[in-house]
Protein backbone atom coordinates (compact mmCIF):
# COMPACT_ATOMS: atom_id res chain seq x y z
CA MET A 1 -36.78 -13.92 -68.12
CA SER A 2 -35.42 -10.71 -69.66
CA LYS A 3 -35.10 -10.40 -73.37
CA ASN A 4 -33.96 -7.86 -75.94
CA ILE A 5 -36.49 -6.02 -78.09
CA PHE A 6 -36.39 -3.71 -81.09
CA GLY A 7 -32.90 -4.96 -81.96
CA ILE A 8 -31.26 -3.21 -79.01
CA HIS A 9 -28.48 -5.13 -77.29
CA HIS A 10 -28.64 -5.74 -73.57
CA ILE A 11 -26.26 -3.78 -71.36
CA ILE A 12 -25.82 -4.44 -67.66
CA CYS A 13 -28.05 -2.08 -65.72
CA GLY A 14 -26.41 0.83 -63.90
CA VAL A 15 -22.89 0.85 -65.34
CA SER A 16 -21.07 2.17 -68.35
CA VAL A 17 -19.93 -0.21 -71.05
CA ASN A 18 -16.23 -0.31 -70.06
CA LYS A 19 -16.00 0.57 -66.38
CA VAL A 20 -17.87 1.37 -63.22
CA VAL A 21 -17.56 4.94 -61.92
CA LEU A 22 -18.28 5.72 -58.27
CA SER A 23 -18.72 9.40 -57.39
CA ALA A 24 -19.15 11.25 -54.12
CA TYR A 25 -22.69 12.40 -53.43
CA ASP A 26 -23.73 15.41 -55.51
CA CYS A 27 -26.60 17.57 -54.25
CA CYS A 28 -27.48 18.22 -57.91
CA TRP A 29 -28.61 14.62 -58.33
CA ASN A 30 -31.97 15.30 -56.70
CA ASP A 31 -32.43 18.45 -58.81
CA LYS A 32 -31.73 16.44 -61.96
CA PHE A 33 -34.29 13.86 -60.89
CA LEU A 34 -36.92 16.55 -60.30
CA GLU A 35 -36.24 18.16 -63.67
CA GLU A 36 -36.36 14.87 -65.56
CA SER A 37 -39.44 13.59 -63.73
CA LYS A 38 -41.25 16.84 -64.59
CA LYS A 39 -40.39 16.37 -68.27
CA ILE A 40 -41.80 12.86 -68.14
CA LYS A 41 -44.97 13.89 -66.28
CA ASP A 42 -45.59 16.76 -68.70
CA ALA A 43 -45.21 14.40 -71.65
CA VAL A 44 -47.46 11.68 -70.21
CA ASN A 45 -51.03 13.02 -70.18
CA PHE A 46 -52.86 9.90 -71.33
CA THR A 47 -52.56 7.66 -68.24
CA THR A 48 -51.70 7.64 -64.53
CA ILE A 49 -48.09 7.13 -63.46
CA TYR A 50 -46.17 7.51 -60.21
CA ILE A 51 -42.52 8.51 -60.28
CA ASP A 52 -39.92 7.80 -57.58
CA HIS A 53 -36.23 8.53 -57.27
CA VAL A 54 -34.42 5.26 -56.47
CA GLY A 55 -30.88 3.96 -56.33
CA SER A 56 -27.85 5.46 -54.61
CA THR A 57 -28.35 8.94 -56.08
CA ALA A 58 -31.65 9.14 -54.16
CA VAL A 59 -29.89 8.83 -50.78
CA SER A 60 -28.42 12.05 -49.43
CA GLY A 61 -24.69 11.76 -48.67
CA LEU A 62 -24.29 8.35 -50.32
CA SER A 63 -21.62 7.74 -52.96
CA GLY A 64 -22.86 6.14 -56.15
CA LYS A 65 -22.70 5.94 -59.90
CA PRO A 66 -23.54 9.36 -61.42
CA ILE A 67 -26.65 7.93 -63.08
CA ILE A 68 -30.12 8.96 -61.91
CA ASP A 69 -32.39 5.94 -61.43
CA ILE A 70 -36.10 6.68 -61.92
CA LEU A 71 -38.86 4.24 -61.06
CA ILE A 72 -42.15 4.69 -62.91
CA SER A 73 -45.19 2.81 -61.65
CA LEU A 74 -47.66 2.48 -64.51
CA CYS A 75 -51.23 1.82 -63.35
CA ASP A 76 -52.58 0.62 -66.71
CA TRP A 77 -50.03 -1.73 -68.26
CA ARG A 78 -51.93 -1.64 -71.55
CA GLU A 79 -50.38 1.82 -72.03
CA ILE A 80 -46.78 0.56 -71.82
CA THR A 81 -46.12 0.82 -75.55
CA LYS A 82 -47.41 4.38 -75.64
CA LEU A 83 -45.36 5.30 -72.55
CA ALA A 84 -42.24 3.76 -74.10
CA ASP A 85 -42.79 5.80 -77.27
CA VAL A 86 -43.00 8.99 -75.20
CA LEU A 87 -39.75 8.19 -73.40
CA MET A 88 -37.97 7.40 -76.65
CA ARG A 89 -39.02 10.81 -77.95
CA LEU A 90 -37.37 12.24 -74.83
CA GLY A 91 -34.11 10.55 -75.82
CA TYR A 92 -34.35 7.19 -74.05
CA ASP A 93 -33.42 3.83 -75.54
CA ILE A 94 -35.19 0.62 -74.56
CA ASP A 95 -32.57 -1.71 -73.14
CA GLU A 96 -34.43 -4.55 -71.47
CA LYS A 97 -37.94 -5.98 -71.31
CA CYS A 98 -39.36 -8.65 -69.06
CA ASP A 99 -42.80 -9.97 -69.98
CA ASP A 100 -43.17 -12.23 -66.95
CA THR A 101 -42.93 -9.50 -64.30
CA PRO A 102 -43.81 -7.33 -66.39
CA ARG A 103 -41.28 -4.51 -66.46
CA LEU A 104 -39.28 -2.34 -68.84
CA PHE A 105 -35.83 -0.74 -68.51
CA LEU A 106 -34.68 2.29 -70.53
CA LYS A 107 -31.56 4.40 -70.47
CA LYS A 108 -30.40 7.84 -71.61
CA TYR A 109 -26.72 8.80 -71.55
CA ASN A 110 -25.25 12.22 -72.29
CA GLU A 111 -21.57 12.16 -71.39
CA ALA A 112 -21.07 15.75 -72.51
CA SER A 113 -23.49 17.14 -69.92
CA SER A 114 -23.08 14.30 -67.38
CA GLU A 115 -26.84 13.84 -67.39
CA ASN A 116 -27.35 10.11 -67.40
CA TYR A 117 -30.63 8.40 -66.54
CA HIS A 118 -32.06 4.93 -66.07
CA VAL A 119 -35.83 4.47 -66.11
CA HIS A 120 -37.42 1.37 -64.63
CA ILE A 121 -41.12 0.83 -65.41
CA CYS A 122 -43.37 -1.66 -63.64
CA GLN A 123 -46.85 -1.98 -62.17
CA PRO A 124 -47.59 -0.39 -58.76
CA ASN A 125 -47.87 -3.71 -56.85
CA CYS A 126 -44.85 -5.29 -58.53
CA ARG A 127 -42.35 -6.83 -56.09
CA TRP A 128 -39.48 -5.72 -58.33
CA GLY A 129 -40.38 -2.05 -57.95
CA ARG A 130 -41.32 -2.44 -54.29
CA ASP A 131 -37.92 -3.99 -53.53
CA MET A 132 -36.19 -0.96 -55.06
CA LEU A 133 -38.17 1.36 -52.77
CA VAL A 134 -37.62 -0.82 -49.70
CA PHE A 135 -33.87 -1.01 -50.34
CA LYS A 136 -33.69 2.77 -50.77
CA ASN A 137 -35.54 3.18 -47.48
CA GLU A 138 -33.02 0.90 -45.75
CA LEU A 139 -30.16 3.03 -47.09
CA MET A 140 -31.87 6.24 -45.96
CA THR A 141 -32.70 5.06 -42.44
CA ASN A 142 -29.67 2.91 -41.61
CA ALA A 143 -26.39 4.81 -41.85
CA ALA A 144 -24.26 1.80 -40.89
CA PHE A 145 -25.86 -0.31 -43.61
CA ALA A 146 -25.42 2.50 -46.16
CA ASN A 147 -21.70 2.67 -45.32
CA GLN A 148 -21.41 -1.10 -45.75
CA TYR A 149 -23.00 -0.78 -49.17
CA VAL A 150 -20.54 1.94 -50.25
CA ASP A 151 -17.57 -0.05 -48.91
CA LEU A 152 -18.77 -3.11 -50.84
CA LYS A 153 -19.02 -1.15 -54.09
CA LYS A 154 -15.50 0.26 -53.62
CA LYS A 155 -14.18 -3.24 -52.92
CA LEU A 156 -15.93 -4.69 -55.98
CA ILE A 157 -14.55 -1.95 -58.21
CA THR A 158 -11.04 -2.69 -56.95
CA GLU A 159 -11.37 -6.47 -57.28
CA HIS A 160 -13.27 -6.57 -60.56
CA SER A 161 -11.97 -3.64 -62.54
CA GLY A 162 -13.43 -3.95 -66.00
CA ASP A 163 -15.42 -7.06 -65.06
CA ILE A 164 -18.88 -5.54 -64.96
CA GLN A 165 -20.73 -8.82 -64.53
CA SER A 166 -18.73 -9.74 -61.41
CA TYR A 167 -19.34 -6.28 -59.99
CA MET A 168 -23.10 -6.61 -60.54
CA ARG A 169 -23.19 -10.13 -59.09
CA GLY A 170 -21.46 -8.91 -55.94
CA LYS A 171 -23.99 -6.11 -55.51
CA LYS A 172 -26.93 -8.38 -56.31
CA ALA A 173 -26.06 -10.85 -53.55
CA PHE A 174 -25.71 -8.05 -51.01
CA ILE A 175 -29.03 -6.45 -52.00
CA GLU A 176 -30.93 -9.73 -52.07
CA ASN A 177 -29.65 -10.73 -48.62
CA LYS A 178 -30.86 -7.43 -47.19
CA LEU A 179 -34.29 -7.78 -48.81
CA ILE A 180 -34.61 -11.32 -47.44
CA GLU A 181 -33.75 -9.97 -44.00
CA VAL A 182 -36.33 -7.19 -44.27
CA ASN A 183 -39.03 -9.51 -45.59
CA SER A 184 -38.33 -11.96 -42.78
CA GLU A 185 -38.39 -9.26 -40.11
CA PHE A 186 -41.62 -7.73 -41.39
CA GLY A 187 -43.31 -10.81 -42.83
CA VAL A 188 -46.92 -11.90 -42.46
CA ASP A 189 -46.31 -14.00 -39.33
CA LYS A 190 -44.48 -11.16 -37.59
CA ILE A 191 -47.13 -8.59 -38.48
CA LEU A 192 -49.93 -10.98 -37.50
CA SER A 193 -48.31 -11.55 -34.10
CA TYR A 194 -47.98 -7.82 -33.65
CA GLN A 195 -51.65 -7.34 -34.60
CA ARG A 196 -52.70 -9.80 -31.90
CA ILE A 197 -50.50 -8.13 -29.29
CA GLU A 198 -51.88 -4.68 -30.09
CA SER A 199 -55.48 -5.93 -30.06
CA ASN A 200 -54.93 -7.58 -26.66
CA LYS A 201 -53.43 -4.38 -25.28
CA ALA A 202 -56.38 -2.39 -26.62
CA GLU A 203 -58.79 -4.78 -24.86
CA LYS A 204 -56.91 -4.46 -21.56
CA LEU A 205 -56.96 -0.67 -21.81
CA GLN A 206 -60.71 -0.87 -22.49
CA ILE A 207 -61.14 -2.79 -19.22
CA TYR A 208 -59.09 -0.17 -17.33
CA MET A 209 -61.28 2.54 -18.85
CA MET A 210 -64.43 0.75 -17.68
CA ILE A 211 -63.01 0.38 -14.15
CA THR A 212 -62.12 4.08 -14.10
CA GLN A 213 -65.59 5.04 -15.33
CA PHE A 214 -67.21 2.83 -12.65
CA THR A 215 -65.05 4.40 -9.94
CA ILE A 216 -65.99 7.90 -11.06
CA SER A 217 -69.69 6.98 -11.08
CA LEU A 218 -69.40 5.37 -7.61
CA MET A 219 -67.73 8.49 -6.21
CA ALA A 220 -70.50 10.64 -7.69
CA VAL A 221 -73.14 8.50 -5.97
CA ILE A 222 -71.29 8.64 -2.63
CA SER A 223 -70.98 12.41 -2.82
CA VAL A 224 -74.78 12.69 -2.93
CA TYR A 225 -75.03 11.27 0.59
CA LEU A 226 -72.19 13.33 2.05
CA SER A 227 -72.49 16.84 3.37
CA LYS A 228 -69.04 17.47 4.80
CA GLY A 229 -67.33 20.06 2.63
CA SER A 230 -63.75 18.81 3.01
CA VAL A 231 -64.71 15.28 2.01
CA LEU A 232 -66.62 16.54 -1.02
CA PHE A 233 -63.61 18.65 -1.98
CA TRP A 234 -61.26 15.67 -1.97
CA LEU A 235 -63.78 13.54 -3.83
CA ALA A 236 -63.93 16.23 -6.49
CA ILE A 237 -60.12 16.31 -6.76
CA ILE A 238 -59.90 12.53 -7.04
CA GLY A 239 -62.74 12.52 -9.56
CA PHE A 240 -60.93 15.09 -11.69
CA ILE A 241 -57.72 13.03 -11.58
CA LEU A 242 -59.66 9.93 -12.60
CA ILE A 243 -61.19 11.80 -15.55
CA VAL A 244 -57.69 12.79 -16.70
CA VAL A 245 -56.54 9.19 -16.30
CA TRP A 246 -59.55 7.99 -18.31
CA PHE A 247 -58.71 10.47 -21.07
CA PHE A 248 -55.13 9.20 -21.43
CA LEU A 249 -56.30 5.59 -21.27
CA SER A 250 -58.76 6.37 -24.07
CA GLN A 251 -56.01 7.91 -26.23
CA ALA A 252 -53.72 4.94 -25.67
CA GLN A 253 -56.53 2.49 -26.41
CA GLN A 254 -57.32 4.23 -29.69
CA ARG A 255 -53.64 4.16 -30.73
CA ARG A 256 -53.36 0.44 -29.97
CA ARG A 257 -56.58 -0.35 -31.79
CA SER A 258 -55.52 1.73 -34.81
CA ALA A 259 -52.12 0.00 -34.93
CA GLY A 260 -53.79 -3.41 -34.76
CA ASP A 261 -56.22 -2.48 -37.54
CA GLN A 262 -53.37 -1.23 -39.73
CA ALA A 263 -51.44 -4.47 -39.20
CA ARG A 264 -54.57 -6.49 -40.00
CA ARG A 265 -55.06 -4.60 -43.29
CA VAL A 266 -51.44 -5.25 -44.27
CA VAL A 267 -51.83 -8.95 -43.51
CA LEU A 268 -54.98 -9.09 -45.65
CA LEU A 269 -53.15 -7.49 -48.53
CA MET A 270 -50.14 -9.76 -48.22
CA SER A 271 -52.01 -13.03 -47.75
CA GLY A 272 -55.80 -12.98 -47.81
CA LEU A 273 -56.05 -10.92 -51.00
CA ASN A 274 -52.84 -12.39 -52.44
CA ILE A 275 -51.30 -9.05 -53.43
CA LEU A 276 -48.30 -7.14 -52.20
CA PRO A 277 -48.73 -3.98 -50.12
CA SER A 278 -47.40 -0.75 -51.54
CA ALA A 279 -44.04 0.49 -50.32
CA GLY A 280 -45.86 3.06 -48.19
CA GLN A 281 -47.95 0.39 -46.50
CA ALA A 282 -44.86 -1.73 -45.95
CA PHE A 283 -43.09 1.23 -44.33
CA VAL A 284 -46.09 1.83 -42.05
CA SER A 285 -45.99 -1.78 -40.92
CA MET A 286 -42.26 -1.43 -40.26
CA ILE A 287 -42.81 1.72 -38.19
CA ILE A 288 -45.56 0.25 -36.02
CA LEU A 289 -43.46 -2.87 -35.43
CA MET A 290 -40.43 -0.83 -34.38
CA GLU A 291 -42.59 1.25 -32.01
CA LYS A 292 -43.72 -1.88 -30.19
């Protein structure tokens, strides 16, 4: 449950106080993110953090609110107070804190220069932060879905002008439905099934490799007892072809085995070790599933 701290009143994340503003994509958004993230990295020299650009402004060509959303993954949560102090010295205000997750949300608005920022802080394996990265990835890789998202935001602005809470509820339902779809498509059971399929394919390829190796060896033995030059020539040609076939079988077998091992590691992280995979690991599992 979120709560206010330091006497600062809660404001709905991602919108101005009175209205929602949707702007066409601005190529300067990424530059602003890079500049601001560098300021933060230079100021934080006491712990390890990872910074990602999230939200609509992180997706090239996508319309969105002209506010740069920054996700900070803090490895040592004991340093959160110190990190918050650094950000406040950079002009940020703490807007929301959640102790259960845990996470922290800060904002910095400068209407004169149009440089507005939201900073979301969480731990690296936090589902809240991971969902932000996964949703951004969906927007970046699925143009039709990205267009649906923009159309929804335009519709919500028209229907709920001035009603910020209704606007946010409409977006929240859309985002949560997509995340449920992604988690279902790339869940443990799906990845585990894929791991078994890839392992079985790797075993079959191993058998084909053994048969090829046996055939090559048999041809080598036969050639010892033959003296006719033309026959030896064709045996050599066939042997060379079989060696090439064995090479490609070996490459395919290694790819299948590697894909199965990667899926198995993701499953262990998601279930056996009872922790969430990083966004990068989740994306890898998505890629290997889609290449099936």
